[in-house]
Amino acid sequence: MTLTGRPRCETRDDPTNVILRLSDPAYLERLVAFLDSVGQRGMEAEGSVVALEREIPEEELRIYLRVWSVLYPEAPVSVE
């Protein structure tokens, strides 16, 4: 499934990509939109995986994921 109007990441093996895996793929569009809203470009890599287009500092990523967990506690995200 490719998000309408959103780029699809052709490879998850790019070392510059940060890979995020959702526990529930139904939240994929919301996660990509959330990342866009905080200035991070997320690309769908596969059903429940989003790759960030560029590296971000670990602490910044942790802050974004904490906000996500408050907004969507039912859809945890793990970093690969």
PDB file of N, CA and C in Angstrom:
ATOM      1  N   MET A   1       0.840  -1.174   0.000  1.00  0.00           N
ATOM      2  CA  MET A   1       0.000   0.000   0.000  1.00  0.00           C
ATOM      3  C   MET A   1       0.884   1.235   0.000  1.00  0.00           C
ATOM      4  N   THR A   2       0.716   2.103  -0.961  1.00  0.00           N
ATOM      5  CA  THR A   2       1.470   3.341  -1.033  1.00  0.00           C
ATOM      6  C   THR A   2       0.545   4.494  -0.711  1.00  0.00           C
ATOM      7  N   LEU A   3       1.004   5.397   0.120  1.00  0.00           N
ATOM      8  CA  LEU A   3       0.187   6.536   0.491  1.00  0.00           C
ATOM      9  C   LEU A   3       0.024   7.461  -0.700  1.00  0.00           C
ATOM     10  N   THR A   4      -1.173   7.917  -0.922  1.00  0.00           N
ATOM     11  CA  THR A   4      -1.449   8.824  -2.023  1.00  0.00           C
ATOM     12  C   THR A   4      -0.669  10.119  -1.837  1.00  0.00           C
ATOM     13  N   GLY A   5       0.061  10.508  -2.874  1.00  0.00           N
ATOM     14  CA  GLY A   5       0.802  11.754  -2.821  1.00  0.00           C
ATOM     15  C   GLY A   5       2.056  11.714  -1.967  1.00  0.00           C
ATOM     16  N   ARG A   6       2.398  10.579  -1.433  1.00  0.00           N
ATOM     17  CA  ARG A   6       3.585  10.452  -0.580  1.00  0.00           C
ATOM     18  C   ARG A   6       4.614   9.586  -1.279  1.00  0.00           C
ATOM     19  N   PRO A   7       5.882   9.958  -1.186  1.00  0.00           N
ATOM     20  CA  PRO A   7       6.902   9.115  -1.815  1.00  0.00           C
ATOM     21  C   PRO A   7       7.053   7.798  -1.084  1.00  0.00           C
ATOM     22  N   ARG A   8       7.395   6.784  -1.823  1.00  0.00           N
ATOM     23  CA  ARG A   8       7.661   5.475  -1.237  1.00  0.00           C
ATOM     24  C   ARG A   8       9.160   5.262  -1.233  1.00  0.00           C
ATOM     25  N   CYS A   9       9.686   4.852  -0.109  1.00  0.00           N
ATOM     26  CA  CYS A   9      11.110   4.578   0.022  1.00  0.00           C
ATOM     27  C   CYS A   9      11.392   3.256  -0.678  1.00  0.00           C
ATOM     28  N   GLU A  10      12.284   3.278  -1.632  1.00  0.00           N
ATOM     29  CA  GLU A  10      12.578   2.073  -2.405  1.00  0.00           C
ATOM     30  C   GLU A  10      13.441   1.084  -1.629  1.00  0.00           C
ATOM     31  N   THR A  11      14.225   1.572  -0.685  1.00  0.00           N
ATOM     32  CA  THR A  11      15.065   0.655   0.089  1.00  0.00           C
ATOM     33  C   THR A  11      15.120   1.085   1.541  1.00  0.00           C
ATOM     34  N   ARG A  12      15.062   0.108   2.412  1.00  0.00           N
ATOM     35  CA  ARG A  12      15.217   0.383   3.833  1.00  0.00           C
ATOM     36  C   ARG A  12      16.677   0.246   4.233  1.00  0.00           C
ATOM     37  N   ASP A  13      17.537  -0.156   3.313  1.00  0.00           N
ATOM     38  CA  ASP A  13      18.927  -0.423   3.647  1.00  0.00           C
ATOM     39  C   ASP A  13      19.819   0.805   3.595  1.00  0.00           C
ATOM     40  N   ASP A  14      19.278   1.956   3.217  1.00  0.00           N
ATOM     41  CA  ASP A  14      20.054   3.189   3.162  1.00  0.00           C
ATOM     42  C   ASP A  14      20.461   3.555   4.588  1.00  0.00           C
ATOM     43  N   PRO A  15      21.760   3.642   4.870  1.00  0.00           N
ATOM     44  CA  PRO A  15      22.207   3.903   6.241  1.00  0.00           C
ATOM     45  C   PRO A  15      21.821   5.279   6.759  1.00  0.00           C
ATOM     46  N   THR A  16      21.427   6.196   5.872  1.00  0.00           N
ATOM     47  CA  THR A  16      21.023   7.519   6.335  1.00  0.00           C
ATOM     48  C   THR A  16      19.566   7.545   6.777  1.00  0.00           C
ATOM     49  N   ASN A  17      18.807   6.514   6.456  1.00  0.00           N
ATOM     50  CA  ASN A  17      17.402   6.463   6.855  1.00  0.00           C
ATOM     51  C   ASN A  17      17.261   5.939   8.276  1.00  0.00           C
ATOM     52  N   VAL A  18      16.403   6.600   9.048  1.00  0.00           N
ATOM     53  CA  VAL A  18      15.988   6.085  10.346  1.00  0.00           C
ATOM     54  C   VAL A  18      14.695   5.318  10.075  1.00  0.00           C
ATOM     55  N   ILE A  19      14.636   4.080  10.522  1.00  0.00           N
ATOM     56  CA  ILE A  19      13.490   3.220  10.256  1.00  0.00           C
ATOM     57  C   ILE A  19      12.591   3.164  11.489  1.00  0.00           C
ATOM     58  N   LEU A  20      11.315   3.470  11.296  1.00  0.00           N
ATOM     59  CA  LEU A  20      10.322   3.411  12.362  1.00  0.00           C
ATOM     60  C   LEU A  20       9.295   2.345  12.006  1.00  0.00           C
ATOM     61  N   ARG A  21       8.976   1.489  12.964  1.00  0.00           N
ATOM     62  CA  ARG A  21       7.988   0.428  12.733  1.00  0.00           C
ATOM     63  C   ARG A  21       6.795   0.655  13.663  1.00  0.00           C
ATOM     64  N   LEU A  22       5.631   0.733  13.066  1.00  0.00           N
ATOM     65  CA  LEU A  22       4.385   0.897  13.811  1.00  0.00           C
ATOM     66  C   LEU A  22       3.862  -0.452  14.277  1.00  0.00           C
ATOM     67  N   SER A  23       3.263  -0.480  15.451  1.00  0.00           N
ATOM     68  CA  SER A  23       2.631  -1.714  15.917  1.00  0.00           C
ATOM     69  C   SER A  23       1.334  -1.979  15.158  1.00  0.00           C
ATOM     70  N   ASP A  24       0.705  -0.909  14.658  1.00  0.00           N
ATOM     71  CA  ASP A  24      -0.563  -1.039  13.938  1.00  0.00           C
ATOM     72  C   ASP A  24      -0.461  -0.283  12.613  1.00  0.00           C
ATOM     73  N   PRO A  25      -0.392  -0.982  11.488  1.00  0.00           N
ATOM     74  CA  PRO A  25      -0.226  -0.316  10.194  1.00  0.00           C
ATOM     75  C   PRO A  25      -1.372   0.620   9.818  1.00  0.00           C
ATOM     76  N   ALA A  26      -2.501   0.526  10.509  1.00  0.00           N
ATOM     77  CA  ALA A  26      -3.619   1.430  10.232  1.00  0.00           C
ATOM     78  C   ALA A  26      -3.267   2.883  10.559  1.00  0.00           C
ATOM     79  N   TYR A  27      -2.215   3.096  11.339  1.00  0.00           N
ATOM     80  CA  TYR A  27      -1.800   4.441  11.730  1.00  0.00           C
ATOM     81  C   TYR A  27      -0.702   5.010  10.832  1.00  0.00           C
ATOM     82  N   LEU A  28      -0.370   4.325   9.759  1.00  0.00           N
ATOM     83  CA  LEU A  28       0.737   4.740   8.900  1.00  0.00           C
ATOM     84  C   LEU A  28       0.571   6.167   8.372  1.00  0.00           C
ATOM     85  N   GLU A  29      -0.579   6.477   7.816  1.00  0.00           N
ATOM     86  CA  GLU A  29      -0.788   7.825   7.278  1.00  0.00           C
ATOM     87  C   GLU A  29      -0.695   8.879   8.369  1.00  0.00           C
ATOM     88  N   ARG A  30      -1.213   8.566   9.549  1.00  0.00           N
ATOM     89  CA  ARG A  30      -1.139   9.516  10.667  1.00  0.00           C
ATOM     90  C   ARG A  30       0.309   9.758  11.084  1.00  0.00           C
ATOM     91  N   LEU A  31       1.113   8.692  11.123  1.00  0.00           N
ATOM     92  CA  LEU A  31       2.508   8.856  11.504  1.00  0.00           C
ATOM     93  C   LEU A  31       3.260   9.703  10.481  1.00  0.00           C
ATOM     94  N   VAL A  32       3.055   9.442   9.205  1.00  0.00           N
ATOM     95  CA  VAL A  32       3.726  10.231   8.165  1.00  0.00           C
ATOM     96  C   VAL A  32       3.294  11.695   8.265  1.00  0.00           C
ATOM     97  N   ALA A  33       2.011  11.952   8.474  1.00  0.00           N
ATOM     98  CA  ALA A  33       1.511  13.323   8.613  1.00  0.00           C
ATOM     99  C   ALA A  33       2.090  13.990   9.860  1.00  0.00           C
ATOM    100  N   PHE A  34       2.169  13.238  10.949  1.00  0.00           N
ATOM    101  CA  PHE A  34       2.761  13.773  12.180  1.00  0.00           C
ATOM    102  C   PHE A  34       4.215  14.152  11.951  1.00  0.00           C
ATOM    103  N   LEU A  35       4.966  13.271  11.321  1.00  0.00           N
ATOM    104  CA  LEU A  35       6.373  13.562  11.053  1.00  0.00           C
ATOM    105  C   LEU A  35       6.514  14.793  10.159  1.00  0.00           C
ATOM    106  N   ASP A  36       5.669  14.883   9.153  1.00  0.00           N
ATOM    107  CA  ASP A  36       5.676  16.075   8.289  1.00  0.00           C
ATOM    108  C   ASP A  36       5.410  17.339   9.107  1.00  0.00           C
ATOM    109  N   SER A  37       4.501  17.252  10.069  1.00  0.00           N
ATOM    110  CA  SER A  37       4.125  18.423  10.866  1.00  0.00           C
ATOM    111  C   SER A  37       5.256  18.925  11.757  1.00  0.00           C
ATOM    112  N   VAL A  38       6.218  18.056  12.059  1.00  0.00           N
ATOM    113  CA  VAL A  38       7.368  18.470  12.878  1.00  0.00           C
ATOM    114  C   VAL A  38       8.626  18.658  12.031  1.00  0.00           C
ATOM    115  N   GLY A  39       8.423  18.737  10.714  1.00  0.00           N
ATOM    116  CA  GLY A  39       9.541  19.044   9.822  1.00  0.00           C
ATOM    117  C   GLY A  39      10.379  17.855   9.400  1.00  0.00           C
ATOM    118  N   GLN A  40       9.873  16.644   9.611  1.00  0.00           N
ATOM    119  CA  GLN A  40      10.599  15.438   9.210  1.00  0.00           C
ATOM    120  C   GLN A  40       9.849  14.772   8.065  1.00  0.00           C
ATOM    121  N   ARG A  41      10.554  14.417   7.028  1.00  0.00           N
ATOM    122  CA  ARG A  41       9.918  13.789   5.869  1.00  0.00           C
ATOM    123  C   ARG A  41       9.965  12.275   6.029  1.00  0.00           C
ATOM    124  N   GLY A  42       8.803  11.681   6.239  1.00  0.00           N
ATOM    125  CA  GLY A  42       8.704  10.237   6.367  1.00  0.00           C
ATOM    126  C   GLY A  42       8.229   9.621   5.068  1.00  0.00           C
ATOM    127  N   MET A  43       8.816   8.491   4.713  1.00  0.00           N
ATOM    128  CA  MET A  43       8.444   7.785   3.490  1.00  0.00           C
ATOM    129  C   MET A  43       8.044   6.359   3.850  1.00  0.00           C
ATOM    130  N   GLU A  44       6.948   5.905   3.279  1.00  0.00           N
ATOM    131  CA  GLU A  44       6.515   4.534   3.507  1.00  0.00           C
ATOM    132  C   GLU A  44       7.539   3.578   2.908  1.00  0.00           C
ATOM    133  N   ALA A  45       8.018   2.638   3.723  1.00  0.00           N
ATOM    134  CA  ALA A  45       8.957   1.636   3.229  1.00  0.00           C
ATOM    135  C   ALA A  45       8.233   0.322   2.966  1.00  0.00           C
ATOM    136  N   GLU A  46       7.271  -0.009   3.784  1.00  0.00           N
ATOM    137  CA  GLU A  46       6.390  -1.162   3.614  1.00  0.00           C
ATOM    138  C   GLU A  46       5.241  -0.988   4.580  1.00  0.00           C
ATOM    139  N   GLY A  47       4.320  -1.913   4.600  1.00  0.00           N
ATOM    140  CA  GLY A  47       3.065  -1.786   5.332  1.00  0.00           C
ATOM    141  C   GLY A  47       3.054  -1.061   6.658  1.00  0.00           C
ATOM    142  N   SER A  48       3.955  -1.356   7.553  1.00  0.00           N
ATOM    143  CA  SER A  48       3.953  -0.705   8.866  1.00  0.00           C
ATOM    144  C   SER A  48       5.280  -0.015   9.160  1.00  0.00           C
ATOM    145  N   VAL A  49       6.061   0.239   8.117  1.00  0.00           N
ATOM    146  CA  VAL A  49       7.396   0.831   8.298  1.00  0.00           C
ATOM    147  C   VAL A  49       7.482   2.179   7.588  1.00  0.00           C
ATOM    148  N   VAL A  50       8.048   3.151   8.305  1.00  0.00           N
ATOM    149  CA  VAL A  50       8.306   4.477   7.750  1.00  0.00           C
ATOM    150  C   VAL A  50       9.802   4.739   7.866  1.00  0.00           C
ATOM    151  N   ALA A  51      10.390   5.230   6.790  1.00  0.00           N
ATOM    152  CA  ALA A  51      11.806   5.614   6.803  1.00  0.00           C
ATOM    153  C   ALA A  51      11.870   7.132   6.783  1.00  0.00           C
ATOM    154  N   LEU A  52      12.640   7.701   7.702  1.00  0.00           N
ATOM    155  CA  LEU A  52      12.857   9.140   7.680  1.00  0.00           C
ATOM    156  C   LEU A  52      13.889   9.450   6.613  1.00  0.00           C
ATOM    157  N   GLU A  53      13.670  10.518   5.885  1.00  0.00           N
ATOM    158  CA  GLU A  53      14.510  10.861   4.748  1.00  0.00           C
ATOM    159  C   GLU A  53      15.948  11.213   5.146  1.00  0.00           C
ATOM    160  N   ARG A  54      16.126  11.717   6.336  1.00  0.00           N
ATOM    161  CA  ARG A  54      17.466  12.111   6.758  1.00  0.00           C
ATOM    162  C   ARG A  54      17.659  11.748   8.225  1.00  0.00           C
ATOM    163  N   GLU A  55      18.919  11.721   8.613  1.00  0.00           N
ATOM    164  CA  GLU A  55      19.223  11.430  10.008  1.00  0.00           C
ATOM    165  C   GLU A  55      18.804  12.601  10.877  1.00  0.00           C
ATOM    166  N   ILE A  56      18.354  12.294  12.083  1.00  0.00           N
ATOM    167  CA  ILE A  56      18.054  13.332  13.052  1.00  0.00           C
ATOM    168  C   ILE A  56      18.707  12.933  14.366  1.00  0.00           C
ATOM    169  N   PRO A  57      19.012  13.914  15.213  1.00  0.00           N
ATOM    170  CA  PRO A  57      19.614  13.577  16.502  1.00  0.00           C
ATOM    171  C   PRO A  57      18.694  12.649  17.306  1.00  0.00           C
ATOM    172  N   GLU A  58      19.306  11.728  18.006  1.00  0.00           N
ATOM    173  CA  GLU A  58      18.555  10.728  18.761  1.00  0.00           C
ATOM    174  C   GLU A  58      17.608  11.362  19.764  1.00  0.00           C
ATOM    175  N   GLU A  59      18.050  12.396  20.457  1.00  0.00           N
ATOM    176  CA  GLU A  59      17.195  13.048  21.458  1.00  0.00           C
ATOM    177  C   GLU A  59      15.982  13.704  20.801  1.00  0.00           C
ATOM    178  N   GLU A  60      16.174  14.296  19.639  1.00  0.00           N
ATOM    179  CA  GLU A  60      15.060  14.904  18.911  1.00  0.00           C
ATOM    180  C   GLU A  60      14.040  13.833  18.509  1.00  0.00           C
ATOM    181  N   LEU A  61      14.528  12.716  18.032  1.00  0.00           N
ATOM    182  CA  LEU A  61      13.637  11.618  17.657  1.00  0.00           C
ATOM    183  C   LEU A  61      12.870  11.112  18.870  1.00  0.00           C
ATOM    184  N   ARG A  62      13.547  10.985  19.994  1.00  0.00           N
ATOM    185  CA  ARG A  62      12.874  10.528  21.222  1.00  0.00           C
ATOM    186  C   ARG A  62      11.747  11.474  21.619  1.00  0.00           C
ATOM    187  N   ILE A  63      11.974  12.785  21.462  1.00  0.00           N
ATOM    188  CA  ILE A  63      10.935  13.766  21.795  1.00  0.00           C
ATOM    189  C   ILE A  63       9.730  13.573  20.884  1.00  0.00           C
ATOM    190  N   TYR A  64       9.967  13.443  19.583  1.00  0.00           N
ATOM    191  CA  TYR A  64       8.865  13.238  18.642  1.00  0.00           C
ATOM    192  C   TYR A  64       8.084  11.974  18.982  1.00  0.00           C
ATOM    193  N   LEU A  65       8.796  10.902  19.310  1.00  0.00           N
ATOM    194  CA  LEU A  65       8.115   9.639  19.611  1.00  0.00           C
ATOM    195  C   LEU A  65       7.359   9.707  20.936  1.00  0.00           C
ATOM    196  N   ARG A  66       7.848  10.518  21.877  1.00  0.00           N
ATOM    197  CA  ARG A  66       7.099  10.716  23.128  1.00  0.00           C
ATOM    198  C   ARG A  66       5.791  11.444  22.854  1.00  0.00           C
ATOM    199  N   VAL A  67       5.854  12.480  22.015  1.00  0.00           N
ATOM    200  CA  VAL A  67       4.637  13.209  21.651  1.00  0.00           C
ATOM    201  C   VAL A  67       3.671  12.259  20.947  1.00  0.00           C
ATOM    202  N   TRP A  68       4.194  11.468  19.994  1.00  0.00           N
ATOM    203  CA  TRP A  68       3.358  10.496  19.280  1.00  0.00           C
ATOM    204  C   TRP A  68       2.674   9.562  20.284  1.00  0.00           C
ATOM    205  N   SER A  69       3.410   9.077  21.270  1.00  0.00           N
ATOM    206  CA  SER A  69       2.850   8.116  22.229  1.00  0.00           C
ATOM    207  C   SER A  69       1.760   8.739  23.094  1.00  0.00           C
ATOM    208  N   VAL A  70       1.810  10.053  23.302  1.00  0.00           N
ATOM    209  CA  VAL A  70       0.736  10.729  24.030  1.00  0.00           C
ATOM    210  C   VAL A  70      -0.490  10.866  23.133  1.00  0.00           C
ATOM    211  N   LEU A  71      -0.253  11.216  21.872  1.00  0.00           N
ATOM    212  CA  LEU A  71      -1.358  11.386  20.925  1.00  0.00           C
ATOM    213  C   LEU A  71      -2.020  10.060  20.562  1.00  0.00           C
ATOM    214  N   TYR A  72      -1.198   9.021  20.388  1.00  0.00           N
ATOM    215  CA  TYR A  72      -1.684   7.706  19.927  1.00  0.00           C
ATOM    216  C   TYR A  72      -1.090   6.588  20.787  1.00  0.00           C
ATOM    217  N   PRO A  73      -1.491   6.493  22.037  1.00  0.00           N
ATOM    218  CA  PRO A  73      -0.919   5.463  22.915  1.00  0.00           C
ATOM    219  C   PRO A  73      -1.205   4.032  22.442  1.00  0.00           C
ATOM    220  N   GLU A  74      -2.227   3.891  21.628  1.00  0.00           N
ATOM    221  CA  GLU A  74      -2.603   2.575  21.131  1.00  0.00           C
ATOM    222  C   GLU A  74      -1.777   2.140  19.931  1.00  0.00           C
ATOM    223  N   ALA A  75      -0.863   3.012  19.458  1.00  0.00           N
ATOM    224  CA  ALA A  75      -0.065   2.709  18.259  1.00  0.00           C
ATOM    225  C   ALA A  75       1.414   2.994  18.507  1.00  0.00           C
ATOM    226  N   PRO A  76       2.053   2.187  19.354  1.00  0.00           N
ATOM    227  CA  PRO A  76       3.469   2.409  19.630  1.00  0.00           C
ATOM    228  C   PRO A  76       4.347   2.283  18.379  1.00  0.00           C
ATOM    229  N   VAL A  77       5.456   2.997  18.407  1.00  0.00           N
ATOM    230  CA  VAL A  77       6.431   2.979  17.318  1.00  0.00           C
ATOM    231  C   VAL A  77       7.769   2.543  17.884  1.00  0.00           C
ATOM    232  N   SER A  78       8.443   1.652  17.174  1.00  0.00           N
ATOM    233  CA  SER A  78       9.797   1.246  17.569  1.00  0.00           C
ATOM    234  C   SER A  78      10.786   1.714  16.502  1.00  0.00           C
ATOM    235  N   VAL A  79      12.017   1.960  16.949  1.00  0.00           N
ATOM    236  CA  VAL A  79      13.087   2.392  16.052  1.00  0.00           C
ATOM    237  C   VAL A  79      13.943   1.187  15.726  1.00  0.00           C
ATOM    238  N   GLU A  80      14.207   0.994  14.431  1.00  0.00           N
ATOM    239  CA  GLU A  80      15.035  -0.140  14.003  1.00  0.00           C
ATOM    240  C   GLU A  80      16.397   0.350  13.589  1.00  0.00           C
TER     241      GLU A  80
END
